[in-house]
Amino acid sequence: MADERIAFPWHGYYERGLITRRQFVKLTGLFGTAIAAGAVLSEPEPAAAALAPAAKQILRYPDQEPLHFDPATMEARPEILIGMALFDPLFTFDDTGHIVPLAARSWDVSKDGLTYTFHLRSGMQWSDGHPVTAADYEYAWKRVADPETASDYASAFYPIKGALDFNKGKTKDRDTVAVKAVDTLTLRATLSEPAAYFPRLVSTWNFMPVPRWQVEKYGKKWVEAGNHVGNGMFMLQKWEHDRELVIVANPKYWGAKPTLQRVVFTLTDDPFRTSLPSFENNELDVTDQIQPGDIERVRKSPALSKQLQKYRWSGTAMVFCDTTNTKSPLSKAKVRQALYLAIDHKRVASEVLRGIYDPAPTITPPGTIGYLSTPPLTGGPDRARQLLAEAGYPDGQGFPEVRLAWPKLVTFDLVAQALQQMWHDTLKINLTLQRMESKEFNAARASWAKQPYDFYLSRWGSDFEDPANWANILFDSDQDFFYTKWRNDQFDSLIRKGSGEADPAKRKQMYESAEKILNTDLPALPVYHLGVIVAVKPWVQGFRLPPAAAAWFGTFGRVKILEH
């Protein structure tokens, strides 16, 4: 997927005397030609190649404290970004977004589309020297489906025959899950029905193997440094919680070794507030944590503006509603519709978030099948007020107190305050804001699986760019990832047929129809589509972030530090 670069990094190289004027002119000419041809702009490899690599290949990067690096339960950005460096999935993606083998050297699919056979590479080792086998994958996959693991991603395994019944407790026999190590290097999985997206699904982190001997020896503490074992390009060397985490190159890795010797992550509770000053002081080499309040200063800075890269991040920030809490007005579709129409999406993106993100009038992001460029609900503030009156709250009269919760994050702080103001100005309703520490929010969100709530602000980024990763994982009433408890039988029918539909045109039509239902009933109110602006020092070569998380494998494996 194309990277949308907003500055030419080699300007900085030229100004600092790191490349000649001839090299600069050549690069700029190449860039102009590429743009004219509609080509994707790649990293400035020619300029970087002219510079010597640094003796110390260390990348310094800021992030939030991750929860852990257990593929079975990883689900948030910090652990996924690092976790994809610690483990190898069966497949990954090339620069054009196509599936390519990684831990699997090849795979076969039966004619009926139900049975997948994966052939692993020989000679792969875990970071402690154990051989990587098909049995490691079988154990890992059944472990995610096991209800005792309590993985929020267990539903990702439901396409595999028997996984749903095992996860729902209809049987306690894990061997009813149809995944089997046929021999040391052959893994076979049988699906309940064809799933066109299955190869993309198994490229995600939940399908990565885990070291059974370490899991059974250390229990939940197997994820700590010293206990952790992976099969990826890097391995976990140090984890001083809430302060610093270090990964180093894995000497037993089967594939090409990374140039980086180590990546040092500075962990803070809110890196949006702290990482830019550290970057400017040369204490960090890269930061993708630039808060909206700083973006204008960064763009106007002669030095910083040349170090910016902007990427599309396939995702959407949304307000998730408890549609079954009858004590809350959010259980009424007309109230949710009124709130949606009272949001000025363009103003949120441009004024509140300073253009870092894009307006999101619909839920599924651009680039994904089913995306709607035009929302089914229209009418703006006037229609919003009319819908609120029809729901029983004319001019906001009688509207009870509702609580909007969110995890501590500066962008969510700004958006929550903006929504509070917009809904008060348009609908005359008052909102109680509840900003929570990350751990507190995670615990609260887990409780909302069974406990009633009003609504909360969160976001979802594509694991892989396919509608099954949105409609089926998040809003199928049997899966309900965000606990909206929403059920629509027509929607369920469309997306369940769509997940296995082999005809691309029919599949697109099914998901677009489902998306219209979703964006009319609105168990979640879309607010903005995600994006990321990264500041990269000129001595960092090869850093980029693909739009979907499953493609983050290799993010640190591509990086080289140049002399500076």
Protein backbone atom coordinates (compact mmCIF):
# COMPACT_ATOMS: atom_id res chain seq x y z
CA MET A 1 0.00 0.00 0.00
CA ALA A 2 1.30 3.43 -0.89
CA ASP A 3 2.97 5.53 1.74
CA GLU A 4 1.91 9.16 1.64
CA ARG A 5 5.13 11.04 2.25
CA ILE A 6 4.84 14.75 2.92
CA ALA A 7 8.52 15.71 2.86
CA PHE A 8 11.64 14.64 0.99
CA PRO A 9 14.06 13.30 3.59
CA TRP A 10 17.05 13.74 1.30
CA HIS A 11 16.61 17.52 1.55
CA GLY A 12 17.96 17.10 5.06
CA TYR A 13 20.85 14.94 3.86
CA TYR A 14 21.84 17.59 1.30
CA GLU A 15 21.57 20.46 3.76
CA ARG A 16 23.74 18.57 6.23
CA GLY A 17 26.32 17.79 3.54
CA LEU A 18 25.62 14.06 3.66
CA ILE A 19 24.93 13.81 -0.07
CA THR A 20 26.19 15.83 -3.00
CA ARG A 21 24.10 18.29 -4.98
CA ARG A 22 24.27 15.87 -7.92
CA GLN A 23 22.77 13.10 -5.79
CA PHE A 24 20.14 15.48 -4.52
CA VAL A 25 19.14 16.59 -8.03
CA LYS A 26 19.04 12.99 -9.23
CA LEU A 27 16.80 11.90 -6.37
CA THR A 28 14.45 14.81 -6.85
CA GLY A 29 14.25 14.04 -10.58
CA LEU A 30 13.47 10.42 -9.88
CA PHE A 31 10.78 11.48 -7.46
CA GLY A 32 9.15 13.78 -9.99
CA THR A 33 9.14 11.01 -12.59
CA ALA A 34 7.60 8.58 -10.14
CA ILE A 35 4.86 10.99 -9.18
CA ALA A 36 4.07 11.71 -12.80
CA ALA A 37 3.75 8.01 -13.45
CA GLY A 38 1.55 7.51 -10.42
CA ALA A 39 4.16 5.26 -8.83
CA VAL A 40 4.62 4.61 -5.14
CA LEU A 41 7.43 6.57 -3.55
CA SER A 42 9.84 4.25 -1.80
CA GLU A 43 12.48 4.86 0.82
CA PRO A 44 15.42 7.09 -0.25
CA GLU A 45 17.68 4.06 -0.65
CA PRO A 46 20.13 5.59 -3.20
CA ALA A 47 21.03 8.47 -0.90
CA ALA A 48 21.19 6.25 2.15
CA ALA A 49 23.28 3.67 0.35
CA ALA A 50 25.93 6.33 -0.22
CA LEU A 51 26.39 6.69 3.51
CA ALA A 52 28.27 4.27 5.74
CA PRO A 53 26.30 2.27 8.29
CA ALA A 54 26.95 3.19 11.89
CA ALA A 55 29.04 0.85 14.00
CA LYS A 56 26.30 0.72 16.64
CA GLN A 57 23.02 -0.36 15.08
CA ILE A 58 20.65 0.77 17.81
CA LEU A 59 17.20 2.27 17.20
CA ARG A 60 15.57 4.30 19.97
CA TYR A 61 11.78 4.35 19.88
CA PRO A 62 9.03 5.51 22.28
CA ASP A 63 5.88 3.60 23.13
CA GLN A 64 3.35 2.85 25.82
CA GLU A 65 3.85 0.01 28.23
CA PRO A 66 2.73 -3.17 26.43
CA LEU A 67 0.58 -5.70 28.27
CA HIS A 68 2.62 -8.76 27.27
CA PHE A 69 3.93 -10.67 24.26
CA ASP A 70 1.69 -13.71 24.26
CA PRO A 71 0.35 -14.17 20.71
CA ALA A 72 -2.84 -15.71 22.09
CA THR A 73 -3.99 -12.51 23.75
CA MET A 74 -2.07 -9.66 22.13
CA GLU A 75 -4.54 -7.12 20.76
CA ALA A 76 -3.21 -3.55 21.18
CA ARG A 77 -0.69 -1.64 19.14
CA PRO A 78 2.36 -1.62 21.50
CA GLU A 79 2.42 -5.39 21.94
CA ILE A 80 1.58 -6.13 18.30
CA LEU A 81 4.30 -3.86 16.89
CA ILE A 82 6.96 -5.47 19.08
CA GLY A 83 5.38 -8.93 19.08
CA MET A 84 5.57 -9.13 15.29
CA ALA A 85 9.36 -8.82 15.67
CA LEU A 86 9.51 -11.60 18.28
CA PHE A 87 7.52 -14.21 16.36
CA ASP A 88 7.16 -15.36 12.76
CA PRO A 89 3.66 -15.97 11.37
CA LEU A 90 3.15 -18.51 8.60
CA PHE A 91 2.71 -15.77 5.99
CA THR A 92 3.44 -12.12 5.63
CA PHE A 93 2.86 -9.48 2.94
CA ASP A 94 5.03 -8.01 0.20
CA ASP A 95 5.13 -4.29 -0.61
CA THR A 96 2.12 -4.64 -2.91
CA GLY A 97 -0.02 -6.24 -0.20
CA HIS A 98 0.13 -9.78 -1.57
CA ILE A 99 0.54 -12.82 0.66
CA VAL A 100 4.03 -14.36 0.68
CA PRO A 101 5.36 -17.36 2.65
CA LEU A 102 7.36 -16.78 5.82
CA ALA A 103 7.51 -19.63 8.36
CA ALA A 104 5.56 -21.69 5.83
CA ARG A 105 7.49 -22.33 2.64
CA SER A 106 4.26 -23.21 0.78
CA TRP A 107 0.63 -24.20 1.27
CA ASP A 108 -2.10 -26.18 -0.49
CA VAL A 109 -5.87 -25.68 -0.54
CA SER A 110 -8.33 -28.48 -1.28
CA LYS A 111 -10.67 -28.06 -4.25
CA ASP A 112 -13.65 -27.46 -1.98
CA GLY A 113 -11.75 -24.65 -0.25
CA LEU A 114 -12.11 -26.27 3.16
CA THR A 115 -8.73 -27.84 3.91
CA TYR A 116 -5.48 -25.88 4.12
CA THR A 117 -2.15 -27.70 4.37
CA PHE A 118 0.86 -25.65 5.41
CA HIS A 119 4.40 -26.89 4.77
CA LEU A 120 6.87 -25.36 7.23
CA ARG A 121 10.45 -24.47 6.42
CA SER A 122 13.01 -26.92 7.74
CA GLY A 123 15.76 -25.83 10.10
CA MET A 124 13.80 -23.17 11.99
CA GLN A 125 14.67 -22.78 15.67
CA TRP A 126 13.20 -21.05 18.67
CA SER A 127 15.42 -18.48 20.35
CA ASP A 128 16.37 -21.11 22.99
CA GLY A 129 17.43 -23.61 20.33
CA HIS A 130 14.35 -25.88 20.27
CA PRO A 131 13.27 -26.81 16.71
CA VAL A 132 10.11 -25.10 15.42
CA THR A 133 7.57 -27.77 14.48
CA ALA A 134 4.01 -28.03 13.24
CA ALA A 135 3.04 -29.26 16.72
CA ASP A 136 3.97 -25.80 18.08
CA TYR A 137 1.35 -24.25 15.78
CA GLU A 138 -1.28 -26.87 16.60
CA TYR A 139 -0.77 -26.26 20.33
CA ALA A 140 -0.87 -22.49 19.87
CA TRP A 141 -4.03 -22.43 17.74
CA LYS A 142 -5.98 -24.72 20.07
CA ARG A 143 -4.76 -22.67 23.02
CA VAL A 144 -6.30 -19.49 21.58
CA ALA A 145 -9.60 -21.30 21.00
CA ASP A 146 -9.53 -22.69 24.56
CA PRO A 147 -12.03 -20.72 26.70
CA GLU A 148 -9.59 -20.94 29.64
CA THR A 149 -7.17 -18.72 27.69
CA ALA A 150 -9.90 -16.04 27.55
CA SER A 151 -8.58 -14.58 24.33
CA ASP A 152 -10.64 -11.74 22.86
CA TYR A 153 -9.39 -13.01 19.52
CA ALA A 154 -10.75 -16.55 19.93
CA SER A 155 -13.46 -15.65 17.42
CA ALA A 156 -10.75 -15.31 14.74
CA PHE A 157 -10.47 -19.11 14.91
CA TYR A 158 -14.18 -19.78 14.43
CA PRO A 159 -13.74 -20.49 10.69
CA ILE A 160 -11.84 -23.63 11.76
CA LYS A 161 -14.18 -26.57 12.20
CA GLY A 162 -14.89 -27.23 15.86
CA ALA A 163 -13.30 -24.03 17.19
CA LEU A 164 -16.60 -22.27 17.94
CA ASP A 165 -18.05 -25.19 19.91
CA PHE A 166 -14.82 -25.66 21.86
CA ASN A 167 -14.55 -21.97 22.65
CA LYS A 168 -18.19 -21.77 23.72
CA GLY A 169 -17.78 -24.77 26.03
CA LYS A 170 -20.02 -27.15 24.10
CA THR A 171 -17.16 -29.62 24.31
CA LYS A 172 -14.06 -29.75 26.48
CA ASP A 173 -12.14 -31.86 23.99
CA ARG A 174 -9.62 -29.54 22.34
CA ASP A 175 -8.89 -32.16 19.71
CA THR A 176 -12.30 -31.46 18.19
CA VAL A 177 -10.70 -28.29 16.80
CA ALA A 178 -9.75 -29.32 13.27
CA VAL A 179 -6.09 -28.35 13.21
CA LYS A 180 -3.49 -31.09 13.25
CA ALA A 181 0.27 -31.51 12.95
CA VAL A 182 0.42 -34.22 10.30
CA ASP A 183 4.17 -34.55 10.79
CA THR A 184 7.03 -32.41 12.05
CA LEU A 185 6.75 -29.87 9.25
CA THR A 186 3.15 -30.24 8.03
CA LEU A 187 0.16 -28.50 9.57
CA ARG A 188 -3.40 -29.07 8.37
CA ALA A 189 -6.55 -27.10 9.18
CA THR A 190 -10.11 -27.83 8.06
CA LEU A 191 -12.72 -25.09 7.90
CA SER A 192 -16.44 -25.29 8.55
CA GLU A 193 -17.09 -23.50 5.28
CA PRO A 194 -14.90 -21.77 2.71
CA ALA A 195 -13.33 -18.52 3.93
CA ALA A 196 -11.70 -16.50 1.17
CA TYR A 197 -9.73 -14.46 3.67
CA PHE A 198 -8.21 -17.40 5.60
CA PRO A 199 -4.62 -16.97 4.25
CA ARG A 200 -4.70 -13.34 5.39
CA LEU A 201 -6.16 -14.37 8.73
CA VAL A 202 -3.31 -16.79 9.51
CA SER A 203 -0.81 -14.01 8.83
CA THR A 204 -1.94 -12.31 12.06
CA TRP A 205 -0.19 -12.64 15.43
CA ASN A 206 -2.80 -14.87 17.07
CA PHE A 207 -1.85 -17.64 14.63
CA MET A 208 1.83 -17.47 15.53
CA PRO A 209 3.29 -20.41 17.49
CA VAL A 210 4.13 -20.35 21.20
CA PRO A 211 6.76 -22.40 23.10
CA ARG A 212 4.65 -24.93 25.00
CA TRP A 213 7.48 -25.88 27.39
CA GLN A 214 7.87 -22.28 28.56
CA VAL A 215 4.14 -21.62 28.82
CA GLU A 216 3.63 -24.73 30.94
CA LYS A 217 6.71 -24.05 33.07
CA TYR A 218 6.11 -20.38 33.87
CA GLY A 219 2.37 -19.88 33.38
CA LYS A 220 1.46 -16.24 32.80
CA LYS A 221 5.05 -15.21 33.62
CA TRP A 222 6.39 -16.87 30.50
CA VAL A 223 6.09 -13.49 28.77
CA GLU A 224 8.68 -11.82 31.02
CA ALA A 225 12.25 -11.20 29.84
CA GLY A 226 14.36 -14.21 30.79
CA ASN A 227 11.39 -16.56 30.33
CA HIS A 228 10.24 -15.39 26.93
CA VAL A 229 11.11 -17.49 23.90
CA GLY A 230 10.17 -16.61 20.32
CA ASN A 231 10.85 -17.71 16.76
CA GLY A 232 11.20 -14.24 15.27
CA MET A 233 13.96 -12.03 13.96
CA PHE A 234 14.42 -10.42 17.39
CA MET A 235 14.18 -11.68 20.96
CA LEU A 236 13.20 -10.01 24.22
CA GLN A 237 16.31 -9.14 26.22
CA LYS A 238 15.09 -6.67 28.85
CA TRP A 239 11.75 -5.42 30.12
CA GLU A 240 11.85 -2.92 32.96
CA HIS A 241 8.15 -2.24 33.23
CA ASP A 242 6.89 1.30 32.62
CA ARG A 243 10.46 2.40 31.86
CA GLU A 244 12.41 0.54 29.18
CA LEU A 245 12.18 -2.53 26.95
CA VAL A 246 14.95 -3.90 24.73
CA ILE A 247 14.81 -6.40 21.90
CA VAL A 248 17.97 -7.73 20.25
CA ALA A 249 18.70 -9.64 17.06
CA ASN A 250 17.99 -13.36 17.44
CA PRO A 251 21.18 -15.27 16.48
CA LYS A 252 19.16 -18.46 15.87
CA TYR A 253 16.77 -16.87 13.39
CA TRP A 254 16.40 -18.92 10.21
CA GLY A 255 16.13 -16.04 7.75
CA ALA A 256 18.07 -12.93 6.82
CA LYS A 257 19.52 -11.30 9.90
CA PRO A 258 18.49 -7.72 10.67
CA THR A 259 21.04 -4.95 10.46
CA LEU A 260 19.83 -3.53 13.76
CA GLN A 261 21.56 -5.02 16.78
CA ARG A 262 18.90 -3.82 19.17
CA VAL A 263 15.81 -1.65 19.53
CA VAL A 264 15.42 0.28 22.77
CA PHE A 265 11.85 1.27 23.62
CA THR A 266 11.30 4.10 26.07
CA LEU A 267 8.03 3.30 27.83
CA THR A 268 5.81 6.09 29.09
CA ASP A 269 2.16 6.24 30.04
CA ASP A 270 1.42 8.88 27.41
CA PRO A 271 4.21 9.08 24.81
CA PHE A 272 2.19 11.69 22.89
CA ARG A 273 3.16 14.20 25.54
CA THR A 274 6.79 13.24 26.02
CA SER A 275 8.32 11.77 22.88
CA LEU A 276 8.64 14.86 20.67
CA PRO A 277 10.89 16.79 23.10
CA SER A 278 13.02 13.65 23.43
CA PHE A 279 13.18 13.34 19.65
CA GLU A 280 14.27 16.97 19.31
CA ASN A 281 16.98 16.35 21.92
CA ASN A 282 18.26 13.41 19.85
CA GLU A 283 17.29 10.97 22.60
CA LEU A 284 15.02 9.12 20.15
CA ASP A 285 15.57 8.20 16.50
CA VAL A 286 11.93 7.76 15.52
CA THR A 287 8.62 8.77 17.01
CA ASP A 288 5.13 8.16 15.74
CA GLN A 289 3.70 9.82 18.83
CA ILE A 290 3.15 13.46 17.82
CA GLN A 291 0.17 15.03 19.50
CA PRO A 292 -2.18 17.32 17.55
CA GLY A 293 -1.17 20.32 19.66
CA ASP A 294 2.39 20.06 18.35
CA ILE A 295 1.71 19.37 14.71
CA GLU A 296 1.57 22.97 13.47
CA ARG A 297 4.87 23.80 15.17
CA VAL A 298 6.43 20.67 13.66
CA ARG A 299 5.17 21.47 10.18
CA LYS A 300 6.53 25.02 10.38
CA SER A 301 9.91 23.94 11.72
CA PRO A 302 12.55 23.96 8.95
CA ALA A 303 14.30 20.96 10.52
CA LEU A 304 11.39 18.86 11.82
CA SER A 305 9.20 19.31 8.77
CA LYS A 306 11.85 17.58 6.65
CA GLN A 307 11.83 14.56 8.94
CA LEU A 308 8.10 13.86 8.75
CA GLN A 309 6.51 10.90 7.05
CA LYS A 310 2.75 10.39 6.87
CA TYR A 311 1.18 6.99 6.51
CA ARG A 312 -2.34 5.79 6.07
CA TRP A 313 -3.32 3.54 8.95
CA SER A 314 -6.32 1.42 8.06
CA GLY A 315 -8.56 2.04 11.04
CA THR A 316 -11.35 4.03 12.63
CA ALA A 317 -11.92 5.64 16.01
CA MET A 318 -15.48 5.08 17.17
CA VAL A 319 -17.85 5.59 20.08
CA PHE A 320 -19.13 2.14 21.03
CA CYS A 321 -22.63 1.97 22.54
CA ASP A 322 -24.31 -0.58 24.79
CA THR A 323 -27.37 -1.23 22.64
CA THR A 324 -29.03 -3.44 25.27
CA ASN A 325 -28.80 -1.21 28.34
CA THR A 326 -32.45 -0.15 28.55
CA LYS A 327 -31.61 2.29 31.35
CA SER A 328 -29.49 4.24 28.87
CA PRO A 329 -30.89 6.31 25.98
CA LEU A 330 -28.05 4.87 23.88
CA SER A 331 -30.09 1.67 23.58
CA LYS A 332 -32.42 3.59 21.23
CA ALA A 333 -31.36 3.62 17.58
CA LYS A 334 -32.80 7.12 17.03
CA VAL A 335 -30.66 8.49 19.85
CA ARG A 336 -27.52 6.96 18.34
CA GLN A 337 -28.51 8.35 14.96
CA ALA A 338 -29.06 11.80 16.43
CA LEU A 339 -25.66 11.75 18.12
CA TYR A 340 -24.01 10.63 14.88
CA LEU A 341 -25.60 13.38 12.80
CA ALA A 342 -24.65 15.99 15.40
CA ILE A 343 -20.95 15.19 14.98
CA ASP A 344 -19.11 17.58 12.68
CA HIS A 345 -16.65 15.01 11.37
CA LYS A 346 -14.68 17.45 9.23
CA ARG A 347 -14.24 19.83 12.13
CA VAL A 348 -13.04 17.04 14.42
CA ALA A 349 -10.42 16.00 11.88
CA SER A 350 -9.21 19.42 10.81
CA GLU A 351 -9.56 21.58 13.93
CA VAL A 352 -9.44 19.19 16.85
CA LEU A 353 -6.93 16.69 15.43
CA ARG A 354 -5.06 19.16 13.21
CA GLY A 355 -5.27 17.07 10.07
CA ILE A 356 -3.38 14.08 11.45
CA TYR A 357 -6.49 11.97 10.89
CA ASP A 358 -9.30 12.01 8.33
CA PRO A 359 -13.05 12.44 8.88
CA ALA A 360 -14.88 9.11 9.20
CA PRO A 361 -18.53 9.39 8.18
CA THR A 362 -18.66 5.56 7.96
CA ILE A 363 -17.13 2.73 9.96
CA THR A 364 -15.09 0.52 7.62
CA PRO A 365 -12.05 2.49 6.41
CA PRO A 366 -11.01 3.24 2.81
CA GLY A 367 -9.05 0.46 1.14
CA THR A 368 -11.32 -2.26 2.52
CA ILE A 369 -14.09 -4.02 0.60
CA GLY A 370 -17.43 -2.71 1.82
CA TYR A 371 -16.19 0.83 2.40
CA LEU A 372 -18.92 3.42 1.76
CA SER A 373 -17.77 6.81 0.56
CA THR A 374 -21.27 8.18 1.18
CA PRO A 375 -23.01 7.46 4.49
CA PRO A 376 -26.59 6.15 4.41
CA LEU A 377 -27.71 8.63 7.07
CA THR A 378 -27.77 12.31 6.14
CA GLY A 379 -29.47 15.47 7.33
CA GLY A 380 -27.01 17.08 9.70
CA PRO A 381 -27.97 18.95 12.89
CA ASP A 382 -31.61 19.59 11.87
CA ARG A 383 -32.28 15.89 11.31
CA ALA A 384 -30.35 15.12 14.52
CA ARG A 385 -32.67 17.31 16.58
CA GLN A 386 -35.70 15.77 14.89
CA LEU A 387 -34.51 12.22 15.66
CA LEU A 388 -33.80 13.09 19.29
CA ALA A 389 -37.34 14.48 19.62
CA GLU A 390 -38.80 11.35 18.03
CA ALA A 391 -36.83 9.32 20.59
CA GLY A 392 -38.62 11.23 23.36
CA TYR A 393 -36.14 14.00 24.14
CA PRO A 394 -37.23 17.22 22.35
CA ASP A 395 -34.53 19.88 22.74
CA GLY A 396 -32.75 17.46 25.04
CA GLN A 397 -35.54 17.58 27.63
CA GLY A 398 -35.53 14.56 29.92
CA PHE A 399 -32.29 13.23 28.50
CA PRO A 400 -30.61 11.46 31.43
CA GLU A 401 -26.97 11.71 32.38
CA VAL A 402 -24.82 9.50 30.21
CA ARG A 403 -21.16 8.72 30.73
CA LEU A 404 -18.55 8.64 27.95
CA ALA A 405 -15.44 6.72 28.97
CA TRP A 406 -12.07 6.42 27.25
CA PRO A 407 -8.51 5.26 27.99
CA LYS A 408 -5.95 7.96 28.73
CA LEU A 409 -4.71 9.24 25.37
CA VAL A 410 -4.32 12.83 24.31
CA THR A 411 -6.22 12.40 21.04
CA PHE A 412 -9.14 10.81 22.87
CA ASP A 413 -9.02 13.63 25.44
CA LEU A 414 -9.46 16.19 22.68
CA VAL A 415 -12.15 14.25 20.81
CA ALA A 416 -14.20 13.52 23.94
CA GLN A 417 -14.25 17.20 24.87
CA ALA A 418 -15.21 18.14 21.31
CA LEU A 419 -18.06 15.62 21.25
CA GLN A 420 -19.31 16.89 24.60
CA GLN A 421 -19.43 20.43 23.21
CA MET A 422 -20.98 19.47 19.84
CA TRP A 423 -23.73 17.37 21.41
CA HIS A 424 -24.53 20.09 23.93
CA ASP A 425 -24.65 22.82 21.29
CA THR A 426 -26.77 20.85 18.82
CA LEU A 427 -28.91 18.61 20.99
CA LYS A 428 -28.89 20.42 24.38
CA ILE A 429 -27.76 17.31 26.20
CA ASN A 430 -25.07 17.00 28.83
CA LEU A 431 -22.36 14.42 28.93
CA THR A 432 -20.24 13.18 31.81
CA LEU A 433 -16.67 12.48 30.75
CA GLN A 434 -14.69 9.66 32.31
CA ARG A 435 -11.00 9.59 31.42
CA MET A 436 -9.40 6.41 32.72
CA GLU A 437 -5.88 5.06 33.13
CA SER A 438 -5.16 2.36 30.57
CA LYS A 439 -5.18 -0.54 33.03
CA GLU A 440 -8.38 0.76 34.66
CA PHE A 441 -10.04 1.11 31.28
CA ASN A 442 -9.01 -2.38 30.16
CA ALA A 443 -10.51 -3.87 33.32
CA ALA A 444 -13.71 -1.85 32.88
CA ARG A 445 -14.01 -2.82 29.24
CA ALA A 446 -13.67 -6.50 30.14
CA SER A 447 -16.52 -6.10 32.64
CA TRP A 448 -18.75 -4.56 29.97
CA ALA A 449 -19.00 -7.96 28.34
CA LYS A 450 -21.66 -8.67 30.95
CA GLN A 451 -22.24 -5.40 32.80
CA PRO A 452 -24.29 -2.51 31.33
CA TYR A 453 -22.62 0.75 30.35
CA ASP A 454 -23.44 3.85 28.25
CA PHE A 455 -20.69 4.30 25.67
CA TYR A 456 -16.95 4.56 25.31
CA LEU A 457 -14.38 5.85 22.86
CA SER A 458 -11.94 3.39 21.31
CA ARG A 459 -10.48 2.48 17.94
CA TRP A 460 -9.85 -0.46 15.70
CA GLY A 461 -7.02 -0.80 13.20
CA SER A 462 -7.09 -3.44 10.49
CA ASP A 463 -5.26 -6.63 11.36
CA PHE A 464 -5.52 -7.34 7.64
CA GLU A 465 -7.40 -5.31 5.04
CA ASP A 466 -10.51 -7.40 4.53
CA PRO A 467 -14.13 -6.78 5.54
CA ALA A 468 -14.12 -9.99 7.59
CA ASN A 469 -11.70 -8.21 9.93
CA TRP A 470 -14.34 -5.55 10.49
CA ALA A 471 -17.88 -6.81 10.01
CA ASN A 472 -17.36 -10.43 11.06
CA ILE A 473 -14.92 -9.92 13.93
CA LEU A 474 -16.36 -6.75 15.43
CA PHE A 475 -20.10 -6.77 14.80
CA ASP A 476 -21.27 -10.34 14.15
CA SER A 477 -23.67 -10.93 17.03
CA ASP A 478 -21.92 -14.22 17.89
CA GLN A 479 -18.56 -12.48 18.25
CA ASP A 480 -19.17 -8.87 19.34
CA PHE A 481 -15.56 -7.84 19.96
CA PHE A 482 -16.42 -4.44 21.45
CA TYR A 483 -19.41 -5.60 23.54
CA THR A 484 -22.04 -3.48 21.84
CA LYS A 485 -24.39 -6.49 22.21
CA TRP A 486 -25.94 -5.46 18.91
CA ARG A 487 -27.86 -8.02 16.88
CA ASN A 488 -29.25 -7.67 13.38
CA ASP A 489 -30.17 -10.94 11.69
CA GLN A 490 -30.00 -9.48 8.16
CA PHE A 491 -26.53 -8.09 8.85
CA ASP A 492 -25.37 -11.41 10.31
CA SER A 493 -26.69 -13.30 7.29
CA LEU A 494 -24.95 -11.00 4.80
CA ILE A 495 -21.53 -11.05 6.41
CA ARG A 496 -21.56 -14.78 7.10
CA LYS A 497 -22.32 -15.46 3.44
CA GLY A 498 -19.83 -12.80 2.39
CA SER A 499 -16.94 -14.31 4.34
CA GLY A 500 -17.03 -17.47 2.25
CA GLU A 501 -18.13 -15.97 -1.07
CA ALA A 502 -15.56 -16.66 -3.79
CA ASP A 503 -17.03 -14.27 -6.40
CA PRO A 504 -15.40 -10.86 -5.72
CA ALA A 505 -18.33 -8.87 -7.13
CA LYS A 506 -20.93 -10.74 -5.06
CA ARG A 507 -18.73 -10.49 -1.98
CA LYS A 508 -18.35 -6.74 -2.42
CA GLN A 509 -22.09 -6.31 -2.81
CA MET A 510 -22.82 -8.32 0.34
CA TYR A 511 -20.42 -6.33 2.49
CA GLU A 512 -21.62 -2.99 1.13
CA SER A 513 -25.20 -3.94 1.96
CA ALA A 514 -24.11 -4.99 5.44
CA GLU A 515 -22.17 -1.75 5.89
CA LYS A 516 -25.32 0.26 5.10
CA ILE A 517 -27.22 -1.60 7.82
CA LEU A 518 -24.37 -1.08 10.28
CA ASN A 519 -24.10 2.65 9.53
CA THR A 520 -27.83 3.11 9.86
CA ASP A 521 -28.39 1.33 13.16
CA LEU A 522 -25.02 2.53 14.50
CA PRO A 523 -23.98 0.35 17.42
CA ALA A 524 -20.77 2.34 16.99
CA LEU A 525 -20.52 5.99 15.95
CA PRO A 526 -17.59 6.53 13.57
CA VAL A 527 -15.55 9.67 14.33
CA TYR A 528 -12.25 9.65 12.45
CA HIS A 529 -10.14 7.34 10.31
CA LEU A 530 -6.69 6.65 11.63
CA GLY A 531 -3.41 7.82 10.22
CA VAL A 532 0.06 8.27 11.58
CA ILE A 533 2.69 10.95 11.23
CA VAL A 534 6.17 9.75 12.00
CA ALA A 535 9.27 11.84 12.66
CA VAL A 536 12.38 10.00 11.52
CA LYS A 537 15.96 11.14 11.98
CA PRO A 538 17.88 11.41 8.69
CA TRP A 539 20.30 8.70 9.79
CA VAL A 540 17.48 6.12 9.98
CA GLN A 541 17.08 4.22 6.72
CA GLY A 542 14.22 1.89 5.83
CA PHE A 543 11.61 2.78 8.44
CA ARG A 544 7.97 2.60 7.30
CA LEU A 545 4.62 1.47 8.70
CA PRO A 546 2.22 -0.47 6.45
CA PRO A 547 -1.50 0.31 6.92
CA ALA A 548 -2.53 -3.03 8.44
CA ALA A 549 -0.99 -4.57 11.57
CA ALA A 550 -0.35 -8.04 10.12
CA ALA A 551 2.07 -6.39 7.69
CA TRP A 552 4.13 -4.87 10.52
CA PHE A 553 6.36 -7.95 10.43
CA GLY A 554 9.77 -6.73 9.36
CA THR A 555 9.24 -3.13 10.51
CA PHE A 556 12.50 -3.22 12.47
CA GLY A 557 14.14 -5.77 10.19
CA ARG A 558 14.28 -3.21 7.36
CA VAL A 559 15.94 -0.47 9.42
CA LYS A 560 19.59 0.53 9.16
CA ILE A 561 21.33 3.28 11.15
CA LEU A 562 23.74 5.45 9.15
CA GLU A 563 26.78 7.28 10.45
CA HIS A 564 25.80 10.59 11.98
